Structure formats: structure tokens, C-alpha cells
Amino acid sequence: MPYTYYLTLFKNNYSFCLIRYKKTRKQKIKSILSPHISKIPAKSKLH
């Protein structure tokens, strides 16, 4: 019983961390790219 409980707990925690990591990575990429994107004129921006 405790083993499966810890296993599910670990799975949930892992997925949560993975989601958080993906979010932070997206934000990092955005923050890195934003100065470059702002230099590009609006016409050449991707929609």
C-alpha cells in the first residue's frame, strides 16, 4: 500500500515539475528572444 502511494506521489510531483520546467523554459526563451524580436519591423514578424 505505501509503495504505490509513494509511486503515485512521485509521478504527480514529477509531472508537476516537468510542467513548471517547460513553462520556465518558454519564459526564458521569450526573454532571450524579445530584444531581438523588438528590433525586427512588424511586417517581418511571424503571426
N, C-alpha and C. Protein backbone atom coordinates (compact mmCIF):
# COMPACT_ATOMS: atom_id res chain seq x y z
N MET A 1 0.82 -1.22 0.00
CA MET A 1 0.00 0.00 0.00
C MET A 1 0.86 1.27 0.00
N PRO A 2 1.78 1.44 0.95
CA PRO A 2 2.57 2.69 0.95
C PRO A 2 3.42 2.84 -0.32
N TYR A 3 3.88 1.69 -0.85
CA TYR A 3 4.74 1.74 -2.03
C TYR A 3 4.02 2.38 -3.20
N THR A 4 2.80 1.94 -3.48
CA THR A 4 2.02 2.51 -4.59
C THR A 4 1.69 3.96 -4.32
N TYR A 5 1.44 4.27 -3.05
CA TYR A 5 1.14 5.66 -2.67
C TYR A 5 2.32 6.56 -2.99
N TYR A 6 3.52 6.14 -2.60
CA TYR A 6 4.71 6.94 -2.89
C TYR A 6 4.98 7.03 -4.38
N LEU A 7 4.66 5.95 -5.08
CA LEU A 7 4.86 5.92 -6.53
C LEU A 7 3.97 6.96 -7.21
N THR A 8 2.69 7.00 -6.84
CA THR A 8 1.77 7.99 -7.42
C THR A 8 2.18 9.40 -7.02
N LEU A 9 2.62 9.54 -5.80
CA LEU A 9 3.07 10.84 -5.30
C LEU A 9 4.26 11.32 -6.14
N PHE A 10 5.19 10.41 -6.38
CA PHE A 10 6.37 10.74 -7.18
C PHE A 10 5.97 11.10 -8.61
N LYS A 11 5.06 10.32 -9.18
CA LYS A 11 4.60 10.59 -10.54
C LYS A 11 3.97 11.97 -10.64
N ASN A 12 3.10 12.28 -9.70
CA ASN A 12 2.43 13.59 -9.70
C ASN A 12 3.44 14.71 -9.56
N ASN A 13 4.37 14.54 -8.64
CA ASN A 13 5.39 15.55 -8.40
C ASN A 13 6.26 15.73 -9.64
N TYR A 14 6.60 14.62 -10.28
CA TYR A 14 7.46 14.67 -11.46
C TYR A 14 6.77 15.42 -12.59
N SER A 15 5.50 15.08 -12.83
CA SER A 15 4.77 15.75 -13.91
C SER A 15 4.61 17.23 -13.61
N PHE A 16 4.37 17.55 -12.34
CA PHE A 16 4.24 18.95 -11.93
C PHE A 16 5.54 19.70 -12.19
N CYS A 17 6.64 19.10 -11.82
CA CYS A 17 7.95 19.73 -12.03
C CYS A 17 8.23 19.88 -13.52
N LEU A 18 7.83 18.88 -14.29
CA LEU A 18 8.05 18.91 -15.73
C LEU A 18 7.27 20.06 -16.36
N ILE A 19 6.01 20.22 -15.94
CA ILE A 19 5.18 21.31 -16.44
C ILE A 19 5.80 22.66 -16.07
N ARG A 20 6.23 22.78 -14.82
CA ARG A 20 6.86 24.03 -14.36
C ARG A 20 8.12 24.30 -15.15
N TYR A 21 8.91 23.26 -15.39
CA TYR A 21 10.16 23.42 -16.12
C TYR A 21 9.89 23.91 -17.54
N LYS A 22 8.88 23.31 -18.18
CA LYS A 22 8.53 23.71 -19.54
C LYS A 22 8.10 25.17 -19.58
N LYS A 23 7.29 25.57 -18.58
CA LYS A 23 6.82 26.95 -18.52
C LYS A 23 7.99 27.91 -18.36
N THR A 24 8.88 27.60 -17.43
CA THR A 24 10.02 28.49 -17.18
C THR A 24 10.94 28.54 -18.39
N ARG A 25 11.07 27.40 -19.07
CA ARG A 25 11.92 27.38 -20.26
C ARG A 25 11.33 28.26 -21.35
N LYS A 26 10.01 28.21 -21.52
CA LYS A 26 9.35 29.07 -22.50
C LYS A 26 9.57 30.54 -22.16
N GLN A 27 9.43 30.87 -20.89
CA GLN A 27 9.62 32.25 -20.45
C GLN A 27 11.05 32.70 -20.69
N LYS A 28 12.01 31.80 -20.43
CA LYS A 28 13.42 32.13 -20.65
C LYS A 28 13.68 32.40 -22.12
N ILE A 29 13.14 31.52 -22.97
CA ILE A 29 13.32 31.69 -24.42
C ILE A 29 12.71 33.01 -24.87
N LYS A 30 11.52 33.32 -24.36
CA LYS A 30 10.85 34.58 -24.70
C LYS A 30 11.70 35.77 -24.27
N SER A 31 12.22 35.71 -23.05
CA SER A 31 13.00 36.83 -22.53
C SER A 31 14.31 37.00 -23.31
N ILE A 32 14.85 35.88 -23.78
CA ILE A 32 16.07 35.94 -24.59
C ILE A 32 15.77 36.51 -25.97
N LEU A 33 14.63 36.08 -26.54
CA LEU A 33 14.29 36.49 -27.91
C LEU A 33 13.66 37.88 -27.99
N SER A 34 12.99 38.32 -26.94
CA SER A 34 12.22 39.56 -27.00
C SER A 34 13.02 40.78 -27.48
N PRO A 35 14.26 40.99 -27.03
CA PRO A 35 15.01 42.14 -27.56
C PRO A 35 15.27 42.03 -29.07
N HIS A 36 15.52 40.80 -29.54
CA HIS A 36 15.75 40.60 -30.97
C HIS A 36 14.47 40.80 -31.76
N ILE A 37 13.36 40.32 -31.20
CA ILE A 37 12.06 40.45 -31.88
C ILE A 37 11.67 41.92 -32.00
N SER A 38 11.92 42.69 -30.95
CA SER A 38 11.53 44.10 -30.97
C SER A 38 12.31 44.89 -32.02
N LYS A 39 13.52 44.42 -32.36
CA LYS A 39 14.32 45.09 -33.39
C LYS A 39 13.77 44.84 -34.79
N ILE A 40 13.13 43.68 -34.98
CA ILE A 40 12.58 43.32 -36.28
C ILE A 40 11.33 44.15 -36.55
N PRO A 41 11.20 44.75 -37.73
CA PRO A 41 9.98 45.51 -38.05
C PRO A 41 8.74 44.62 -38.07
N ALA A 42 7.58 45.23 -37.84
CA ALA A 42 6.33 44.50 -37.66
C ALA A 42 5.97 43.65 -38.88
N LYS A 43 6.34 44.10 -40.07
CA LYS A 43 5.99 43.38 -41.29
C LYS A 43 6.62 41.99 -41.33
N SER A 44 7.87 41.89 -40.91
CA SER A 44 8.58 40.62 -40.99
C SER A 44 8.28 39.70 -39.80
N LYS A 45 7.51 40.19 -38.82
CA LYS A 45 7.15 39.35 -37.67
C LYS A 45 6.25 38.20 -38.09
N LEU A 46 6.45 37.05 -37.42
CA LEU A 46 5.60 35.90 -37.69
C LEU A 46 4.29 36.04 -36.92
N HIS A 47 3.20 35.69 -37.55
CA HIS A 47 1.88 35.79 -36.89
C HIS A 47 1.60 34.54 -36.09
